[in-house]
Amino acid sequence: MKLFKLLLILASAISLNAFAEEPKAHYTDIPGVKANILTKTTKAWNGTDLPAYGEGQPEITIIRYQIEPGATLPMHMHPVINAGLLIKGQLTVIKKTGETLNITAGQPIVELFKEWHYGTNPGKEPVDLVIVYAGTVGTPLVIRE
């Protein structure tokens, strides 16, 4: 009977916690520390759903790109989920269908998954972009058309 009561109390605590605010995992309770969630989503920038992660050993890759004014990346697609933050400059991402996203410094991007697109720097200053790729060992980050 004691075990049943203990399990009932534990189950109640867990279910009540499901409705509680997100835990203070972002250190917002520490004086002098700010944490702003830039994006939290299940979708790419065009609204398509992100897929389940692949099978195999997870592998995280972080790349910092610098793209000169007027430079254009080739048409490509990503077979892994990736997201990033535009630190400096302007970036235009154009899907093969013509759908376009324009972002500026400070904005996050959740990239397209297995959809052909390219990026270009339409601005007058270099783009500084950090992207985090969440893939699996042996899976390429980018496939060019």
Foldseek 3Di string as FASTA:
>chain_A
DVVVVVVVVVVVVVVVVVPDDDPCPQVPVPPPDDDDDQDDDQAFPVRHGDDDADDAAKDKDKDKDKAAAFDKDAWKAFQFWKKKFWQAAKKWKAFPVGDIDIDGHGHMGGHDHPTIIMMHGNDHGIIIMMMMTIHHPPGDGMDGD
